[in-house]
Amino acid sequence: LNAVAPLQEVQGVQDAHQDWNLAIAKVINSDPSGLQKLVTIDKGSADGIEVGMAVISPNYLVGVVTTVDEHSSRVTLAIDGSFVTGAELLDSKGTGIAYGEWQSGGRMGMKHVSRDITPKDGEIVITSDETAQVPPAIIIGQVTGEPTIDNQSDSQTIQILPAADFDNLTIVAVILSFE
């Protein structure tokens, strides 16, 4: 396996997003207890990392920074039950909240989507501009299966197949700032 490939992919993202300031980090371990979906990276406050910053690999949303030490940080993966971010359907333009559902047996979902929207199976789900330190238009994943109608809130919940390969994270990029 080519260890340089993930790094080159991340650098390609930097080239495509000149207005993003990225910190390239190695994943140094994942949470052995398995109760939460977390990884530790080898960059921290000394590198400008702050809680809430988005983490990508290479073009896909991996999660957000949730704790920061001087030379390492913990990243809560997008599939973890505590994860939430603003989301948008790329083609149908429906908006909602993407959340992790690993602890409840799923991967990711998107709540509070208007029932007027009809998402297509396979439609791309991206970040919206609703979350402070997460830039818009990062790919979260794809719509999978049929939406579930929530009769109480007059909205629907969509299942998301995440794009990131959470089991094989080696190199990630933390988005330090964006325009």
C-alpha atoms as a PDB file:
ATOM      1  CA  LEU A   1       0.000   0.000   0.000  1.00  0.00           C
ATOM      2  CA  ASN A   2       1.318   3.435  -0.905  1.00  0.00           C
ATOM      3  CA  ALA A   3       1.562   5.499   2.296  1.00  0.00           C
ATOM      4  CA  VAL A   4       2.138   8.663   0.269  1.00  0.00           C
ATOM      5  CA  ALA A   5      -1.192   8.460  -1.564  1.00  0.00           C
ATOM      6  CA  PRO A   6      -3.394   9.770   1.313  1.00  0.00           C
ATOM      7  CA  LEU A   7      -1.002  12.688   1.789  1.00  0.00           C
ATOM      8  CA  GLN A   8      -1.059  13.528  -1.927  1.00  0.00           C
ATOM      9  CA  GLU A   9      -4.879  13.353  -1.894  1.00  0.00           C
ATOM     10  CA  VAL A  10      -5.053  15.761   1.050  1.00  0.00           C
ATOM     11  CA  GLN A  11      -2.602  18.121  -0.664  1.00  0.00           C
ATOM     12  CA  GLY A  12      -4.873  17.985  -3.720  1.00  0.00           C
ATOM     13  CA  VAL A  13      -7.710  19.214  -1.496  1.00  0.00           C
ATOM     14  CA  GLN A  14      -5.508  22.098  -0.345  1.00  0.00           C
ATOM     15  CA  ASP A  15      -4.826  22.997  -3.988  1.00  0.00           C
ATOM     16  CA  ALA A  16      -8.550  22.917  -4.752  1.00  0.00           C
ATOM     17  CA  HIS A  17      -9.410  25.069  -1.708  1.00  0.00           C
ATOM     18  CA  GLN A  18      -6.826  27.838  -1.614  1.00  0.00           C
ATOM     19  CA  ASP A  19      -8.911  29.649   1.019  1.00  0.00           C
ATOM     20  CA  TRP A  20      -8.633  26.726   3.451  1.00  0.00           C
ATOM     21  CA  ASN A  21      -5.759  26.529   5.915  1.00  0.00           C
ATOM     22  CA  LEU A  22      -5.122  22.829   6.605  1.00  0.00           C
ATOM     23  CA  ALA A  23      -3.059  20.980   9.182  1.00  0.00           C
ATOM     24  CA  ILE A  24      -2.073  17.521   7.946  1.00  0.00           C
ATOM     25  CA  ALA A  25      -2.148  14.973  10.773  1.00  0.00           C
ATOM     26  CA  LYS A  26      -1.466  11.276  11.253  1.00  0.00           C
ATOM     27  CA  VAL A  27      -4.038   9.106  13.022  1.00  0.00           C
ATOM     28  CA  ILE A  28      -2.082   7.643  15.949  1.00  0.00           C
ATOM     29  CA  ASN A  29      -4.794   5.471  17.482  1.00  0.00           C
ATOM     30  CA  SER A  30      -8.486   4.781  17.636  1.00  0.00           C
ATOM     31  CA  ASP A  31     -10.503   4.336  20.800  1.00  0.00           C
ATOM     32  CA  PRO A  32      -9.876   0.764  21.985  1.00  0.00           C
ATOM     33  CA  SER A  33     -12.984   0.639  24.191  1.00  0.00           C
ATOM     34  CA  GLY A  34     -15.177   1.022  21.131  1.00  0.00           C
ATOM     35  CA  LEU A  35     -17.915   2.758  23.118  1.00  0.00           C
ATOM     36  CA  GLN A  36     -17.401   5.909  21.109  1.00  0.00           C
ATOM     37  CA  LYS A  37     -16.097   6.386  17.602  1.00  0.00           C
ATOM     38  CA  LEU A  38     -12.955   8.445  18.193  1.00  0.00           C
ATOM     39  CA  VAL A  39      -9.448   8.680  16.795  1.00  0.00           C
ATOM     40  CA  THR A  40      -6.398  10.489  18.137  1.00  0.00           C
ATOM     41  CA  ILE A  41      -4.269  12.572  15.777  1.00  0.00           C
ATOM     42  CA  ASP A  42      -0.677  13.780  16.192  1.00  0.00           C
ATOM     43  CA  LYS A  43      -1.449  17.514  16.032  1.00  0.00           C
ATOM     44  CA  GLY A  44      -2.717  19.739  18.820  1.00  0.00           C
ATOM     45  CA  SER A  45      -2.913  23.283  20.193  1.00  0.00           C
ATOM     46  CA  ALA A  46       0.749  23.866  19.280  1.00  0.00           C
ATOM     47  CA  ASP A  47      -0.336  23.386  15.635  1.00  0.00           C
ATOM     48  CA  GLY A  48      -3.339  25.705  15.881  1.00  0.00           C
ATOM     49  CA  ILE A  49      -5.931  22.957  16.411  1.00  0.00           C
ATOM     50  CA  GLU A  50      -9.085  23.984  18.312  1.00  0.00           C
ATOM     51  CA  VAL A  51     -12.190  22.171  19.495  1.00  0.00           C
ATOM     52  CA  GLY A  52     -14.930  22.175  16.847  1.00  0.00           C
ATOM     53  CA  MET A  53     -12.677  22.215  13.782  1.00  0.00           C
ATOM     54  CA  ALA A  54     -13.703  19.953  10.899  1.00  0.00           C
ATOM     55  CA  VAL A  55     -11.531  16.977   9.956  1.00  0.00           C
ATOM     56  CA  ILE A  56     -11.463  15.565   6.414  1.00  0.00           C
ATOM     57  CA  SER A  57      -9.870  12.600   4.611  1.00  0.00           C
ATOM     58  CA  PRO A  58      -9.137  13.413   1.768  1.00  0.00           C
ATOM     59  CA  ASN A  59     -12.286  15.111   0.410  1.00  0.00           C
ATOM     60  CA  TYR A  60     -14.799  13.669   2.837  1.00  0.00           C
ATOM     61  CA  LEU A  61     -15.970  14.701   6.273  1.00  0.00           C
ATOM     62  CA  VAL A  62     -14.393  12.498   8.943  1.00  0.00           C
ATOM     63  CA  GLY A  63     -15.590  14.328  12.055  1.00  0.00           C
ATOM     64  CA  VAL A  64     -14.756  17.198  14.368  1.00  0.00           C
ATOM     65  CA  VAL A  65     -12.060  17.874  16.943  1.00  0.00           C
ATOM     66  CA  THR A  66     -13.515  17.365  20.429  1.00  0.00           C
ATOM     67  CA  THR A  67     -10.497  17.567  22.762  1.00  0.00           C
ATOM     68  CA  VAL A  68      -7.121  19.215  22.248  1.00  0.00           C
ATOM     69  CA  ASP A  69      -3.804  18.718  24.009  1.00  0.00           C
ATOM     70  CA  GLU A  70      -0.557  20.445  23.074  1.00  0.00           C
ATOM     71  CA  HIS A  71       0.602  17.813  20.568  1.00  0.00           C
ATOM     72  CA  SER A  72      -2.436  15.607  19.995  1.00  0.00           C
ATOM     73  CA  SER A  73      -6.196  15.884  19.592  1.00  0.00           C
ATOM     74  CA  ARG A  74      -9.182  13.596  19.694  1.00  0.00           C
ATOM     75  CA  VAL A  75     -11.526  13.563  16.754  1.00  0.00           C
ATOM     76  CA  THR A  76     -15.106  12.399  17.169  1.00  0.00           C
ATOM     77  CA  LEU A  77     -15.999  10.591  13.963  1.00  0.00           C
ATOM     78  CA  ALA A  78     -19.105  11.569  12.010  1.00  0.00           C
ATOM     79  CA  ILE A  79     -20.681   8.160  12.725  1.00  0.00           C
ATOM     80  CA  ASP A  80     -20.505   8.645  16.534  1.00  0.00           C
ATOM     81  CA  GLY A  81     -23.822   9.225  18.284  1.00  0.00           C
ATOM     82  CA  SER A  82     -22.647  12.577  19.673  1.00  0.00           C
ATOM     83  CA  PHE A  83     -21.800  14.001  16.228  1.00  0.00           C
ATOM     84  CA  VAL A  84     -24.040  16.621  14.564  1.00  0.00           C
ATOM     85  CA  THR A  85     -23.504  19.091  11.735  1.00  0.00           C
ATOM     86  CA  GLY A  86     -25.607  21.114   9.329  1.00  0.00           C
ATOM     87  CA  ALA A  87     -26.187  19.252   6.061  1.00  0.00           C
ATOM     88  CA  GLU A  88     -27.632  19.813   2.603  1.00  0.00           C
ATOM     89  CA  LEU A  89     -28.727  17.550  -0.240  1.00  0.00           C
ATOM     90  CA  LEU A  90     -26.613  18.507  -3.249  1.00  0.00           C
ATOM     91  CA  ASP A  91     -29.250  18.190  -5.991  1.00  0.00           C
ATOM     92  CA  SER A  92     -32.619  18.642  -4.281  1.00  0.00           C
ATOM     93  CA  LYS A  93     -31.212  21.372  -1.964  1.00  0.00           C
ATOM     94  CA  GLY A  94     -33.027  20.029   1.107  1.00  0.00           C
ATOM     95  CA  THR A  95     -31.358  21.013   4.371  1.00  0.00           C
ATOM     96  CA  GLY A  96     -31.239  19.334   7.753  1.00  0.00           C
ATOM     97  CA  ILE A  97     -28.953  18.061  10.478  1.00  0.00           C
ATOM     98  CA  ALA A  98     -26.582  15.150   9.818  1.00  0.00           C
ATOM     99  CA  TYR A  99     -25.855  13.030  12.864  1.00  0.00           C
ATOM    100  CA  GLY A 100     -23.995   9.855  13.770  1.00  0.00           C
ATOM    101  CA  GLU A 101     -25.920   6.778  14.811  1.00  0.00           C
ATOM    102  CA  TRP A 102     -23.255   4.103  15.277  1.00  0.00           C
ATOM    103  CA  GLN A 103     -24.274   3.395  18.897  1.00  0.00           C
ATOM    104  CA  SER A 104     -27.861   2.793  17.776  1.00  0.00           C
ATOM    105  CA  GLY A 105     -26.839   0.341  15.075  1.00  0.00           C
ATOM    106  CA  GLY A 106     -26.702   2.671  12.088  1.00  0.00           C
ATOM    107  CA  ARG A 107     -24.108   4.828  10.398  1.00  0.00           C
ATOM    108  CA  MET A 108     -25.457   8.324   9.763  1.00  0.00           C
ATOM    109  CA  GLY A 109     -28.780  10.021   9.281  1.00  0.00           C
ATOM    110  CA  MET A 110     -30.113  13.436   8.335  1.00  0.00           C
ATOM    111  CA  LYS A 111     -33.045  14.794  10.352  1.00  0.00           C
ATOM    112  CA  HIS A 112     -35.407  17.733   9.893  1.00  0.00           C
ATOM    113  CA  VAL A 113     -35.543  17.536   6.093  1.00  0.00           C
ATOM    114  CA  SER A 114     -38.673  19.124   4.610  1.00  0.00           C
ATOM    115  CA  ARG A 115     -41.221  16.597   3.400  1.00  0.00           C
ATOM    116  CA  ASP A 116     -41.499  18.670   0.200  1.00  0.00           C
ATOM    117  CA  ILE A 117     -38.037  17.362  -0.755  1.00  0.00           C
ATOM    118  CA  THR A 118     -37.726  14.033  -2.567  1.00  0.00           C
ATOM    119  CA  PRO A 119     -34.129  12.893  -2.204  1.00  0.00           C
ATOM    120  CA  LYS A 120     -32.826  10.472  -4.815  1.00  0.00           C
ATOM    121  CA  ASP A 121     -31.126   7.250  -3.753  1.00  0.00           C
ATOM    122  CA  GLY A 122     -27.397   7.914  -4.083  1.00  0.00           C
ATOM    123  CA  GLU A 123     -27.798  11.716  -3.933  1.00  0.00           C
ATOM    124  CA  ILE A 124     -24.728  13.387  -2.405  1.00  0.00           C
ATOM    125  CA  VAL A 125     -25.066  14.906   1.081  1.00  0.00           C
ATOM    126  CA  ILE A 126     -22.726  17.831   1.855  1.00  0.00           C
ATOM    127  CA  THR A 127     -22.098  20.096   4.824  1.00  0.00           C
ATOM    128  CA  SER A 128     -24.176  23.268   4.882  1.00  0.00           C
ATOM    129  CA  ASP A 129     -23.006  26.670   6.105  1.00  0.00           C
ATOM    130  CA  GLU A 130     -24.901  26.225   9.381  1.00  0.00           C
ATOM    131  CA  THR A 131     -22.054  24.933  11.576  1.00  0.00           C
ATOM    132  CA  ALA A 132     -19.499  27.482  12.800  1.00  0.00           C
ATOM    133  CA  GLN A 133     -16.159  25.754  12.178  1.00  0.00           C
ATOM    134  CA  VAL A 134     -17.273  23.391   9.392  1.00  0.00           C
ATOM    135  CA  PRO A 135     -17.016  24.819   5.862  1.00  0.00           C
ATOM    136  CA  PRO A 136     -19.933  24.233   3.483  1.00  0.00           C
ATOM    137  CA  ALA A 137     -19.825  21.728   0.603  1.00  0.00           C
ATOM    138  CA  ILE A 138     -17.693  18.995   2.200  1.00  0.00           C
ATOM    139  CA  ILE A 139     -19.038  15.607   1.111  1.00  0.00           C
ATOM    140  CA  ILE A 140     -20.594  13.684   4.018  1.00  0.00           C
ATOM    141  CA  GLY A 141     -21.952  10.742   2.043  1.00  0.00           C
ATOM    142  CA  GLN A 142     -24.856   9.546  -0.079  1.00  0.00           C
ATOM    143  CA  VAL A 143     -28.572   9.068   0.488  1.00  0.00           C
ATOM    144  CA  THR A 144     -29.390   5.399   0.958  1.00  0.00           C
ATOM    145  CA  GLY A 145     -32.749   3.664   1.278  1.00  0.00           C
ATOM    146  CA  GLU A 146     -36.163   5.240   1.761  1.00  0.00           C
ATOM    147  CA  PRO A 147     -36.685   8.319   3.972  1.00  0.00           C
ATOM    148  CA  THR A 148     -38.667   7.921   7.192  1.00  0.00           C
ATOM    149  CA  ILE A 149     -41.519  10.386   7.686  1.00  0.00           C
ATOM    150  CA  ASP A 150     -41.673  12.046  11.115  1.00  0.00           C
ATOM    151  CA  ASN A 151     -45.359  12.783  11.573  1.00  0.00           C
ATOM    152  CA  GLN A 152     -44.818  14.934  14.664  1.00  0.00           C
ATOM    153  CA  SER A 153     -42.532  17.500  13.064  1.00  0.00           C
ATOM    154  CA  ASP A 154     -43.763  17.295   9.472  1.00  0.00           C
ATOM    155  CA  SER A 155     -40.266  16.414   8.302  1.00  0.00           C
ATOM    156  CA  GLN A 156     -38.404  13.332   7.147  1.00  0.00           C
ATOM    157  CA  THR A 157     -35.248  11.521   8.199  1.00  0.00           C
ATOM    158  CA  ILE A 158     -32.853  10.264   5.528  1.00  0.00           C
ATOM    159  CA  GLN A 159     -30.234   7.532   5.945  1.00  0.00           C
ATOM    160  CA  ILE A 160     -26.707   8.489   4.854  1.00  0.00           C
ATOM    161  CA  LEU A 161     -24.011   6.100   3.663  1.00  0.00           C
ATOM    162  CA  PRO A 162     -20.841   7.957   4.783  1.00  0.00           C
ATOM    163  CA  ALA A 163     -18.149   8.608   2.173  1.00  0.00           C
ATOM    164  CA  ALA A 164     -15.169   8.461   4.548  1.00  0.00           C
ATOM    165  CA  ASP A 165     -13.487   5.119   5.184  1.00  0.00           C
ATOM    166  CA  PHE A 166     -13.502   5.276   8.999  1.00  0.00           C
ATOM    167  CA  ASP A 167     -11.807   1.878   9.388  1.00  0.00           C
ATOM    168  CA  ASN A 168      -8.704   2.829   7.416  1.00  0.00           C
ATOM    169  CA  LEU A 169      -7.894   6.401   8.441  1.00  0.00           C
ATOM    170  CA  THR A 170      -4.162   7.085   8.316  1.00  0.00           C
ATOM    171  CA  ILE A 171      -3.753  10.708   7.224  1.00  0.00           C
ATOM    172  CA  VAL A 172      -6.374  13.369   7.849  1.00  0.00           C
ATOM    173  CA  ALA A 173      -6.510  17.130   7.489  1.00  0.00           C
ATOM    174  CA  VAL A 174      -7.879  19.528  10.075  1.00  0.00           C
ATOM    175  CA  ILE A 175      -9.428  22.661   8.558  1.00  0.00           C
ATOM    176  CA  LEU A 176      -7.847  25.411  10.668  1.00  0.00           C
ATOM    177  CA  SER A 177      -9.627  28.242   8.854  1.00  0.00           C
ATOM    178  CA  PHE A 178     -11.638  28.946   5.723  1.00  0.00           C
ATOM    179  CA  GLU A 179     -13.077  32.014   4.040  1.00  0.00           C
END
